[in-house]
């Protein structure tokens, strides 16, 4: 049996940006095809951490991590189910994923 495909997604823009909807749609499509999805939020992307459409991806099997430094700089609260991480965690995702998509 072959190993599950892995998709990493970097999101650095705020919820109002069209990138957020693109990330959600791509992640949903990948999850439906049984692809492991890991999303890393940094810069203004951390403002997405309490948005319902993104949080719904957790229930569908996606893993979401956000940059703790960027979160603190923007005085945002963390969301349940989302892991706090660092640039090291993002670098690990880059190493471990089959593909990385960046929405900046």
PDB file of N, CA and C in Angstrom:
ATOM      1  N   UNK A   1       0.850  -1.185   0.000  1.00  0.00           N
ATOM      2  CA  UNK A   1       0.000   0.000   0.000  1.00  0.00           C
ATOM      3  C   UNK A   1       0.889   1.239   0.000  1.00  0.00           C
ATOM      4  N   UNK A   2       0.590   2.180  -0.863  1.00  0.00           N
ATOM      5  CA  UNK A   2       1.421   3.373  -0.958  1.00  0.00           C
ATOM      6  C   UNK A   2       1.089   4.362   0.158  1.00  0.00           C
ATOM      7  N   UNK A   3       2.087   5.182   0.460  1.00  0.00           N
ATOM      8  CA  UNK A   3       1.927   6.187   1.503  1.00  0.00           C
ATOM      9  C   UNK A   3       0.998   7.297   1.022  1.00  0.00           C
ATOM     10  N   UNK A   4       0.242   7.848   1.944  1.00  0.00           N
ATOM     11  CA  UNK A   4      -0.699   8.922   1.647  1.00  0.00           C
ATOM     12  C   UNK A   4       0.042  10.160   1.140  1.00  0.00           C
ATOM     13  N   UNK A   5      -0.488  10.805   0.105  1.00  0.00           N
ATOM     14  CA  UNK A   5       0.084  12.057  -0.399  1.00  0.00           C
ATOM     15  C   UNK A   5      -0.087  13.141   0.654  1.00  0.00           C
ATOM     16  N   UNK A   6       0.857  14.101   0.661  1.00  0.00           N
ATOM     17  CA  UNK A   6       0.845  15.168   1.663  1.00  0.00           C
ATOM     18  C   UNK A   6       0.956  16.526   0.982  1.00  0.00           C
ATOM     19  N   UNK A   7       0.030  17.422   1.347  1.00  0.00           N
ATOM     20  CA  UNK A   7       0.004  18.770   0.804  1.00  0.00           C
ATOM     21  C   UNK A   7       0.182  19.775   1.933  1.00  0.00           C
ATOM     22  N   UNK A   8       1.169  20.639   1.799  1.00  0.00           N
ATOM     23  CA  UNK A   8       1.372  21.729   2.742  1.00  0.00           C
ATOM     24  C   UNK A   8       0.911  23.032   2.115  1.00  0.00           C
ATOM     25  N   UNK A   9       0.251  23.851   2.914  1.00  0.00           N
ATOM     26  CA  UNK A   9      -0.235  25.141   2.425  1.00  0.00           C
ATOM     27  C   UNK A   9       0.221  26.230   3.388  1.00  0.00           C
ATOM     28  N   UNK A  10       0.831  27.269   2.845  1.00  0.00           N
ATOM     29  CA  UNK A  10       1.231  28.448   3.616  1.00  0.00           C
ATOM     30  C   UNK A  10       0.252  29.569   3.290  1.00  0.00           C
ATOM     31  N   UNK A  11      -0.342  30.158   4.328  1.00  0.00           N
ATOM     32  CA  UNK A  11      -1.264  31.281   4.144  1.00  0.00           C
ATOM     33  C   UNK A  11      -0.757  32.460   4.963  1.00  0.00           C
ATOM     34  N   UNK A  12      -0.459  33.575   4.286  1.00  0.00           N
ATOM     35  CA  UNK A  12       0.085  34.751   4.980  1.00  0.00           C
ATOM     36  C   UNK A  12      -0.829  35.969   4.884  1.00  0.00           C
ATOM     37  N   UNK A  13      -2.004  35.814   4.294  1.00  0.00           N
ATOM     38  CA  UNK A  13      -2.887  36.964   4.102  1.00  0.00           C
ATOM     39  C   UNK A  13      -4.113  36.879   5.012  1.00  0.00           C
ATOM     40  N   UNK A  14      -4.753  38.021   5.227  1.00  0.00           N
ATOM     41  CA  UNK A  14      -5.885  38.133   6.148  1.00  0.00           C
ATOM     42  C   UNK A  14      -7.143  37.455   5.586  1.00  0.00           C
ATOM     43  N   UNK A  15      -8.150  37.244   6.453  1.00  0.00           N
ATOM     44  CA  UNK A  15      -9.374  36.554   6.020  1.00  0.00           C
ATOM     45  C   UNK A  15     -10.113  37.238   4.875  1.00  0.00           C
ATOM     46  N   UNK A  16      -9.973  38.547   4.750  1.00  0.00           N
ATOM     47  CA  UNK A  16     -10.687  39.275   3.698  1.00  0.00           C
ATOM     48  C   UNK A  16     -10.095  39.030   2.314  1.00  0.00           C
ATOM     49  N   UNK A  17      -8.878  38.567   2.269  1.00  0.00           N
ATOM     50  CA  UNK A  17      -8.189  38.354   0.995  1.00  0.00           C
ATOM     51  C   UNK A  17      -8.745  37.100   0.312  1.00  0.00           C
ATOM     52  N   UNK A  18      -8.792  37.131  -1.000  1.00  0.00           N
ATOM     53  CA  UNK A  18      -9.297  35.984  -1.775  1.00  0.00           C
ATOM     54  C   UNK A  18      -8.486  34.715  -1.535  1.00  0.00           C
ATOM     55  N   UNK A  19      -7.249  34.857  -1.083  1.00  0.00           N
ATOM     56  CA  UNK A  19      -6.417  33.677  -0.820  1.00  0.00           C
ATOM     57  C   UNK A  19      -7.059  32.731   0.185  1.00  0.00           C
ATOM     58  N   UNK A  20      -7.766  33.282   1.161  1.00  0.00           N
ATOM     59  CA  UNK A  20      -8.373  32.432   2.187  1.00  0.00           C
ATOM     60  C   UNK A  20      -9.361  31.457   1.568  1.00  0.00           C
ATOM     61  N   UNK A  21     -10.227  31.942   0.706  1.00  0.00           N
ATOM     62  CA  UNK A  21     -11.190  31.055   0.052  1.00  0.00           C
ATOM     63  C   UNK A  21     -10.494  30.042  -0.846  1.00  0.00           C
ATOM     64  N   UNK A  22      -9.430  30.465  -1.502  1.00  0.00           N
ATOM     65  CA  UNK A  22      -8.668  29.527  -2.346  1.00  0.00           C
ATOM     66  C   UNK A  22      -8.081  28.409  -1.507  1.00  0.00           C
ATOM     67  N   UNK A  23      -7.507  28.759  -0.361  1.00  0.00           N
ATOM     68  CA  UNK A  23      -6.920  27.751   0.532  1.00  0.00           C
ATOM     69  C   UNK A  23      -7.993  26.780   1.004  1.00  0.00           C
ATOM     70  N   UNK A  24      -9.136  27.300   1.407  1.00  0.00           N
ATOM     71  CA  UNK A  24     -10.218  26.441   1.897  1.00  0.00           C
ATOM     72  C   UNK A  24     -10.679  25.478   0.805  1.00  0.00           C
ATOM     73  N   UNK A  25     -10.887  25.979  -0.384  1.00  0.00           N
ATOM     74  CA  UNK A  25     -11.369  25.120  -1.482  1.00  0.00           C
ATOM     75  C   UNK A  25     -10.341  24.065  -1.879  1.00  0.00           C
ATOM     76  N   UNK A  26      -9.088  24.467  -1.959  1.00  0.00           N
ATOM     77  CA  UNK A  26      -8.034  23.508  -2.319  1.00  0.00           C
ATOM     78  C   UNK A  26      -7.890  22.453  -1.233  1.00  0.00           C
ATOM     79  N   UNK A  27      -7.908  22.882   0.024  1.00  0.00           N
ATOM     80  CA  UNK A  27      -7.783  21.932   1.134  1.00  0.00           C
ATOM     81  C   UNK A  27      -8.950  20.950   1.142  1.00  0.00           C
ATOM     82  N   UNK A  28     -10.164  21.449   0.954  1.00  0.00           N
ATOM     83  CA  UNK A  28     -11.328  20.559   0.925  1.00  0.00           C
ATOM     84  C   UNK A  28     -11.224  19.539  -0.205  1.00  0.00           C
ATOM     85  N   UNK A  29     -10.804  19.993  -1.375  1.00  0.00           N
ATOM     86  CA  UNK A  29     -10.667  19.080  -2.518  1.00  0.00           C
ATOM     87  C   UNK A  29      -9.606  18.022  -2.243  1.00  0.00           C
ATOM     88  N   UNK A  30      -8.494  18.433  -1.657  1.00  0.00           N
ATOM     89  CA  UNK A  30      -7.419  17.480  -1.346  1.00  0.00           C
ATOM     90  C   UNK A  30      -7.877  16.470  -0.300  1.00  0.00           C
ATOM     91  N   UNK A  31      -8.567  16.936   0.728  1.00  0.00           N
ATOM     92  CA  UNK A  31      -9.050  16.033   1.773  1.00  0.00           C
ATOM     93  C   UNK A  31     -10.031  15.010   1.208  1.00  0.00           C
ATOM     94  N   UNK A  32     -10.865  15.422   0.262  1.00  0.00           N
ATOM     95  CA  UNK A  32     -11.808  14.490  -0.370  1.00  0.00           C
ATOM     96  C   UNK A  32     -11.082  13.404  -1.152  1.00  0.00           C
ATOM     97  N   UNK A  33      -9.869  13.703  -1.606  1.00  0.00           N
ATOM     98  CA  UNK A  33      -9.064  12.722  -2.344  1.00  0.00           C
ATOM     99  C   UNK A  33      -8.111  11.970  -1.412  1.00  0.00           C
ATOM    100  N   UNK A  34      -8.371  12.077  -0.110  1.00  0.00           N
ATOM    101  CA  UNK A  34      -7.587  11.384   0.912  1.00  0.00           C
ATOM    102  C   UNK A  34      -6.125  11.839   0.942  1.00  0.00           C
ATOM    103  N   UNK A  35      -5.902  13.119   0.690  1.00  0.00           N
ATOM    104  CA  UNK A  35      -4.571  13.716   0.792  1.00  0.00           C
ATOM    105  C   UNK A  35      -4.449  14.334   2.177  1.00  0.00           C
ATOM    106  N   UNK A  36      -3.322  14.105   2.840  1.00  0.00           N
ATOM    107  CA  UNK A  36      -3.062  14.756   4.124  1.00  0.00           C
ATOM    108  C   UNK A  36      -2.804  16.239   3.864  1.00  0.00           C
ATOM    109  N   UNK A  37      -3.491  17.098   4.610  1.00  0.00           N
ATOM    110  CA  UNK A  37      -3.354  18.545   4.424  1.00  0.00           C
ATOM    111  C   UNK A  37      -2.861  19.183   5.713  1.00  0.00           C
ATOM    112  N   UNK A  38      -1.780  19.942   5.582  1.00  0.00           N
ATOM    113  CA  UNK A  38      -1.255  20.734   6.700  1.00  0.00           C
ATOM    114  C   UNK A  38      -1.192  22.189   6.259  1.00  0.00           C
ATOM    115  N   UNK A  39      -1.810  23.051   7.051  1.00  0.00           N
ATOM    116  CA  UNK A  39      -1.849  24.478   6.742  1.00  0.00           C
ATOM    117  C   UNK A  39      -1.043  25.218   7.796  1.00  0.00           C
ATOM    118  N   UNK A  40      -0.164  26.110   7.350  1.00  0.00           N
ATOM    119  CA  UNK A  40       0.627  26.934   8.264  1.00  0.00           C
ATOM    120  C   UNK A  40       0.225  28.384   8.056  1.00  0.00           C
ATOM    121  N   UNK A  41      -0.200  29.034   9.141  1.00  0.00           N
ATOM    122  CA  UNK A  41      -0.615  30.435   9.101  1.00  0.00           C
ATOM    123  C   UNK A  41       0.487  31.304   9.692  1.00  0.00           C
ATOM    124  N   UNK A  42       0.894  32.324   8.948  1.00  0.00           N
ATOM    125  CA  UNK A  42       1.871  33.266   9.482  1.00  0.00           C
ATOM    126  C   UNK A  42       1.579  34.654   8.933  1.00  0.00           C
ATOM    127  N   UNK A  43       2.299  35.655   9.422  1.00  0.00           N
ATOM    128  CA  UNK A  43       2.062  37.062   9.081  1.00  0.00           C
ATOM    129  C   UNK A  43       0.578  37.353   9.320  1.00  0.00           C
ATOM    130  N   UNK A  44      -0.085  38.061   8.407  1.00  0.00           N
ATOM    131  CA  UNK A  44      -1.509  38.364   8.606  1.00  0.00           C
ATOM    132  C   UNK A  44      -2.395  37.131   8.469  1.00  0.00           C
ATOM    133  N   UNK A  45      -1.828  36.031   8.036  1.00  0.00           N
ATOM    134  CA  UNK A  45      -2.581  34.784   7.972  1.00  0.00           C
ATOM    135  C   UNK A  45      -3.072  34.317   9.332  1.00  0.00           C
ATOM    136  N   UNK A  46      -2.410  34.755  10.418  1.00  0.00           N
ATOM    137  CA  UNK A  46      -2.852  34.346  11.756  1.00  0.00           C
ATOM    138  C   UNK A  46      -4.241  34.880  12.084  1.00  0.00           C
ATOM    139  N   UNK A  47      -4.685  35.939  11.390  1.00  0.00           N
ATOM    140  CA  UNK A  47      -6.034  36.460  11.620  1.00  0.00           C
ATOM    141  C   UNK A  47      -7.104  35.462  11.175  1.00  0.00           C
ATOM    142  N   UNK A  48      -6.732  34.448  10.427  1.00  0.00           N
ATOM    143  CA  UNK A  48      -7.666  33.409   9.984  1.00  0.00           C
ATOM    144  C   UNK A  48      -7.937  32.362  11.053  1.00  0.00           C
ATOM    145  N   UNK A  49      -7.184  32.365  12.142  1.00  0.00           N
ATOM    146  CA  UNK A  49      -7.224  31.236  13.079  1.00  0.00           C
ATOM    147  C   UNK A  49      -8.556  31.069  13.802  1.00  0.00           C
ATOM    148  N   UNK A  50      -9.393  32.078  13.838  1.00  0.00           N
ATOM    149  CA  UNK A  50     -10.702  31.947  14.482  1.00  0.00           C
ATOM    150  C   UNK A  50     -11.852  32.046  13.490  1.00  0.00           C
ATOM    151  N   UNK A  51     -11.562  31.876  12.227  1.00  0.00           N
ATOM    152  CA  UNK A  51     -12.588  31.950  11.186  1.00  0.00           C
ATOM    153  C   UNK A  51     -13.218  30.567  10.986  1.00  0.00           C
ATOM    154  N   UNK A  52     -14.534  30.516  11.070  1.00  0.00           N
ATOM    155  CA  UNK A  52     -15.262  29.242  11.014  1.00  0.00           C
ATOM    156  C   UNK A  52     -14.927  28.409   9.776  1.00  0.00           C
ATOM    157  N   UNK A  53     -14.903  28.990   8.569  1.00  0.00           N
ATOM    158  CA  UNK A  53     -14.612  28.135   7.403  1.00  0.00           C
ATOM    159  C   UNK A  53     -13.256  27.422   7.505  1.00  0.00           C
ATOM    160  N   UNK A  54     -12.272  28.106   8.048  1.00  0.00           N
ATOM    161  CA  UNK A  54     -10.962  27.476   8.200  1.00  0.00           C
ATOM    162  C   UNK A  54     -11.001  26.439   9.321  1.00  0.00           C
ATOM    163  N   UNK A  55     -11.674  26.759  10.422  1.00  0.00           N
ATOM    164  CA  UNK A  55     -11.780  25.813  11.535  1.00  0.00           C
ATOM    165  C   UNK A  55     -12.530  24.548  11.124  1.00  0.00           C
ATOM    166  N   UNK A  56     -13.465  24.671  10.194  1.00  0.00           N
ATOM    167  CA  UNK A  56     -14.191  23.489   9.705  1.00  0.00           C
ATOM    168  C   UNK A  56     -13.257  22.480   9.050  1.00  0.00           C
ATOM    169  N   UNK A  57     -12.134  22.963   8.520  1.00  0.00           N
ATOM    170  CA  UNK A  57     -11.166  22.046   7.908  1.00  0.00           C
ATOM    171  C   UNK A  57     -10.572  21.093   8.941  1.00  0.00           C
ATOM    172  N   UNK A  58     -10.486  21.540  10.196  1.00  0.00           N
ATOM    173  CA  UNK A  58      -9.992  20.656  11.258  1.00  0.00           C
ATOM    174  C   UNK A  58     -10.891  19.431  11.389  1.00  0.00           C
ATOM    175  N   UNK A  59     -12.201  19.654  11.351  1.00  0.00           N
ATOM    176  CA  UNK A  59     -13.162  18.548  11.469  1.00  0.00           C
ATOM    177  C   UNK A  59     -13.086  17.595  10.286  1.00  0.00           C
ATOM    178  N   UNK A  60     -12.594  18.092   9.161  1.00  0.00           N
ATOM    179  CA  UNK A  60     -12.471  17.267   7.961  1.00  0.00           C
ATOM    180  C   UNK A  60     -11.127  16.557   7.880  1.00  0.00           C
ATOM    181  N   UNK A  61     -10.242  16.823   8.868  1.00  0.00           N
ATOM    182  CA  UNK A  61      -8.977  16.105   8.925  1.00  0.00           C
ATOM    183  C   UNK A  61      -7.724  16.907   8.660  1.00  0.00           C
ATOM    184  N   UNK A  62      -7.862  18.180   8.335  1.00  0.00           N
ATOM    185  CA  UNK A  62      -6.667  19.005   8.107  1.00  0.00           C
ATOM    186  C   UNK A  62      -5.980  19.303   9.437  1.00  0.00           C
ATOM    187  N   UNK A  63      -4.697  19.538   9.357  1.00  0.00           N
ATOM    188  CA  UNK A  63      -3.924  19.978  10.517  1.00  0.00           C
ATOM    189  C   UNK A  63      -3.525  21.422  10.261  1.00  0.00           C
ATOM    190  N   UNK A  64      -3.749  22.279  11.257  1.00  0.00           N
ATOM    191  CA  UNK A  64      -3.442  23.695  11.105  1.00  0.00           C
ATOM    192  C   UNK A  64      -2.491  24.114  12.209  1.00  0.00           C
ATOM    193  N   UNK A  65      -1.453  24.830  11.808  1.00  0.00           N
ATOM    194  CA  UNK A  65      -0.450  25.340  12.741  1.00  0.00           C
ATOM    195  C   UNK A  65      -0.286  26.831  12.468  1.00  0.00           C
ATOM    196  N   UNK A  66      -0.127  27.619  13.517  1.00  0.00           N
ATOM    197  CA  UNK A  66       0.094  29.035  13.281  1.00  0.00           C
ATOM    198  C   UNK A  66       1.335  29.511  14.003  1.00  0.00           C
ATOM    199  N   UNK A  67       1.963  30.511  13.424  1.00  0.00           N
ATOM    200  CA  UNK A  67       3.206  31.057  13.955  1.00  0.00           C
ATOM    201  C   UNK A  67       2.911  31.808  15.253  1.00  0.00           C
ATOM    202  N   UNK A  68       3.454  31.317  16.339  1.00  0.00           N
ATOM    203  CA  UNK A  68       3.195  31.919  17.641  1.00  0.00           C
ATOM    204  C   UNK A  68       3.732  33.347  17.719  1.00  0.00           C
ATOM    205  N   UNK A  69       4.881  33.594  17.136  1.00  0.00           N
ATOM    206  CA  UNK A  69       5.449  34.943  17.162  1.00  0.00           C
ATOM    207  C   UNK A  69       4.530  35.925  16.438  1.00  0.00           C
ATOM    208  N   UNK A  70       4.060  35.541  15.252  1.00  0.00           N
ATOM    209  CA  UNK A  70       3.149  36.419  14.508  1.00  0.00           C
ATOM    210  C   UNK A  70       1.831  36.606  15.241  1.00  0.00           C
ATOM    211  N   UNK A  71       1.359  35.569  15.906  1.00  0.00           N
ATOM    212  CA  UNK A  71       0.131  35.654  16.691  1.00  0.00           C
ATOM    213  C   UNK A  71       0.296  36.673  17.815  1.00  0.00           C
ATOM    214  N   UNK A  72       1.408  36.585  18.532  1.00  0.00           N
ATOM    215  CA  UNK A  72       1.669  37.505  19.639  1.00  0.00           C
ATOM    216  C   UNK A  72       1.840  38.937  19.150  1.00  0.00           C
ATOM    217  N   UNK A  73       2.521  39.116  18.025  1.00  0.00           N
ATOM    218  CA  UNK A  73       2.732  40.456  17.469  1.00  0.00           C
ATOM    219  C   UNK A  73       1.418  41.130  17.092  1.00  0.00           C
ATOM    220  N   UNK A  74       0.416  40.335  16.755  1.00  0.00           N
ATOM    221  CA  UNK A  74      -0.868  40.881  16.312  1.00  0.00           C
ATOM    222  C   UNK A  74      -1.931  40.806  17.409  1.00  0.00           C
ATOM    223  N   UNK A  75      -1.518  40.445  18.621  1.00  0.00           N
ATOM    224  CA  UNK A  75      -2.395  40.415  19.794  1.00  0.00           C
ATOM    225  C   UNK A  75      -3.652  39.583  19.554  1.00  0.00           C
ATOM    226  N   UNK A  76      -3.479  38.451  18.909  1.00  0.00           N
ATOM    227  CA  UNK A  76      -4.592  37.549  18.620  1.00  0.00           C
ATOM    228  C   UNK A  76      -4.610  36.401  19.625  1.00  0.00           C
ATOM    229  N   UNK A  77      -5.805  35.878  19.870  1.00  0.00           N
ATOM    230  CA  UNK A  77      -5.953  34.700  20.715  1.00  0.00           C
ATOM    231  C   UNK A  77      -5.850  33.456  19.845  1.00  0.00           C
ATOM    232  N   UNK A  78      -5.300  32.408  20.429  1.00  0.00           N
ATOM    233  CA  UNK A  78      -5.215  31.154  19.686  1.00  0.00           C
ATOM    234  C   UNK A  78      -6.588  30.488  19.634  1.00  0.00           C
ATOM    235  N   UNK A  79      -6.762  29.610  18.693  1.00  0.00           N
ATOM    236  CA  UNK A  79      -8.028  28.891  18.528  1.00  0.00           C
ATOM    237  C   UNK A  79      -7.855  27.440  18.952  1.00  0.00           C
ATOM    238  N   UNK A  80      -8.922  26.861  19.471  1.00  0.00           N
ATOM    239  CA  UNK A  80      -8.893  25.450  19.857  1.00  0.00           C
ATOM    240  C   UNK A  80      -8.647  24.576  18.641  1.00  0.00           C
ATOM    241  N   UNK A  81      -7.784  23.606  18.808  1.00  0.00           N
ATOM    242  CA  UNK A  81      -7.510  22.660  17.736  1.00  0.00           C
ATOM    243  C   UNK A  81      -6.381  23.065  16.817  1.00  0.00           C
ATOM    244  N   UNK A  82      -5.953  24.319  16.930  1.00  0.00           N
ATOM    245  CA  UNK A  82      -4.859  24.797  16.093  1.00  0.00           C
ATOM    246  C   UNK A  82      -3.578  24.794  16.917  1.00  0.00           C
ATOM    247  N   UNK A  83      -2.548  24.209  16.352  1.00  0.00           N
ATOM    248  CA  UNK A  83      -1.259  24.098  17.023  1.00  0.00           C
ATOM    249  C   UNK A  83      -0.484  25.400  16.899  1.00  0.00           C
ATOM    250  N   UNK A  84       0.167  25.795  17.980  1.00  0.00           N
ATOM    251  CA  UNK A  84       1.081  26.935  17.921  1.00  0.00           C
ATOM    252  C   UNK A  84       2.439  26.417  17.499  1.00  0.00           C
ATOM    253  N   UNK A  85       3.080  27.126  16.578  1.00  0.00           N
ATOM    254  CA  UNK A  85       4.361  26.662  16.073  1.00  0.00           C
ATOM    255  C   UNK A  85       5.314  27.803  15.786  1.00  0.00           C
ATOM    256  N   UNK A  86       6.322  27.472  15.011  1.00  0.00           N
ATOM    257  CA  UNK A  86       7.391  28.424  14.696  1.00  0.00           C
ATOM    258  C   UNK A  86       7.841  28.204  13.254  1.00  0.00           C
ATOM    259  N   UNK A  87       8.816  28.977  12.849  1.00  0.00           N
ATOM    260  CA  UNK A  87       9.393  28.798  11.520  1.00  0.00           C
ATOM    261  C   UNK A  87      10.014  27.407  11.389  1.00  0.00           C
ATOM    262  N   UNK A  88      10.487  26.855  12.482  1.00  0.00           N
ATOM    263  CA  UNK A  88      11.027  25.492  12.463  1.00  0.00           C
ATOM    264  C   UNK A  88       9.939  24.500  12.035  1.00  0.00           C
ATOM    265  N   UNK A  89       8.731  24.683  12.578  1.00  0.00           N
ATOM    266  CA  UNK A  89       7.623  23.798  12.208  1.00  0.00           C
ATOM    267  C   UNK A  89       7.285  23.923  10.727  1.00  0.00           C
ATOM    268  N   UNK A  90       7.313  25.154  10.223  1.00  0.00           N
ATOM    269  CA  UNK A  90       7.051  25.341   8.795  1.00  0.00           C
ATOM    270  C   UNK A  90       8.137  24.664   7.964  1.00  0.00           C
ATOM    271  N   UNK A  91       9.398  24.816   8.382  1.00  0.00           N
ATOM    272  CA  UNK A  91      10.500  24.168   7.658  1.00  0.00           C
ATOM    273  C   UNK A  91      10.327  22.647   7.661  1.00  0.00           C
ATOM    274  N   UNK A  92       9.858  22.098   8.762  1.00  0.00           N
ATOM    275  CA  UNK A  92       9.597  20.654   8.831  1.00  0.00           C
ATOM    276  C   UNK A  92       8.501  20.256   7.851  1.00  0.00           C
ATOM    277  N   UNK A  93       7.465  21.098   7.737  1.00  0.00           N
ATOM    278  CA  UNK A  93       6.403  20.827   6.761  1.00  0.00           C
ATOM    279  C   UNK A  93       6.955  20.814   5.350  1.00  0.00           C
ATOM    280  N   UNK A  94       7.805  21.777   5.043  1.00  0.00           N
ATOM    281  CA  UNK A  94       8.394  21.846   3.701  1.00  0.00           C
ATOM    282  C   UNK A  94       9.160  20.562   3.407  1.00  0.00           C
ATOM    283  N   UNK A  95       9.890  20.082   4.389  1.00  0.00           N
ATOM    284  CA  UNK A  95      10.679  18.855   4.217  1.00  0.00           C
ATOM    285  C   UNK A  95       9.787  17.630   4.039  1.00  0.00           C
ATOM    286  N   UNK A  96       8.689  17.571   4.770  1.00  0.00           N
ATOM    287  CA  UNK A  96       7.871  16.362   4.827  1.00  0.00           C
ATOM    288  C   UNK A  96       6.770  16.267   3.768  1.00  0.00           C
ATOM    289  N   UNK A  97       6.405  17.379   3.177  1.00  0.00           N
ATOM    290  CA  UNK A  97       5.283  17.398   2.235  1.00  0.00           C
ATOM    291  C   UNK A  97       5.714  17.012   0.822  1.00  0.00           C
ATOM    292  N   UNK A  98       4.775  16.446   0.067  1.00  0.00           N
ATOM    293  CA  UNK A  98       5.021  16.170  -1.348  1.00  0.00           C
ATOM    294  C   UNK A  98       4.948  17.455  -2.166  1.00  0.00           C
ATOM    295  N   UNK A  99       4.054  18.348  -1.772  1.00  0.00           N
ATOM    296  CA  UNK A  99       3.880  19.632  -2.454  1.00  0.00           C
ATOM    297  C   UNK A  99       3.609  20.708  -1.412  1.00  0.00           C
ATOM    298  N   UNK A 100       4.081  21.924  -1.710  1.00  0.00           N
ATOM    299  CA  UNK A 100       3.802  23.094  -0.874  1.00  0.00           C
ATOM    300  C   UNK A 100       3.189  24.166  -1.766  1.00  0.00           C
ATOM    301  N   UNK A 101       2.084  24.726  -1.330  1.00  0.00           N
ATOM    302  CA  UNK A 101       1.471  25.863  -2.010  1.00  0.00           C
ATOM    303  C   UNK A 101       1.573  27.063  -1.083  1.00  0.00           C
ATOM    304  N   UNK A 102       1.980  28.198  -1.609  1.00  0.00           N
ATOM    305  CA  UNK A 102       2.108  29.415  -0.801  1.00  0.00           C
ATOM    306  C   UNK A 102       1.130  30.464  -1.300  1.00  0.00           C
ATOM    307  N   UNK A 103       0.339  30.986  -0.391  1.00  0.00           N
ATOM    308  CA  UNK A 103      -0.601  32.064  -0.680  1.00  0.00           C
ATOM    309  C   UNK A 103      -0.163  33.267   0.129  1.00  0.00           C
ATOM    310  N   UNK A 104       0.524  34.183  -0.557  1.00  0.00           N
ATOM    311  CA  UNK A 104       1.133  35.335   0.117  1.00  0.00           C
ATOM    312  C   UNK A 104       0.591  36.647  -0.414  1.00  0.00           C
TER     313      UNK A 104
END
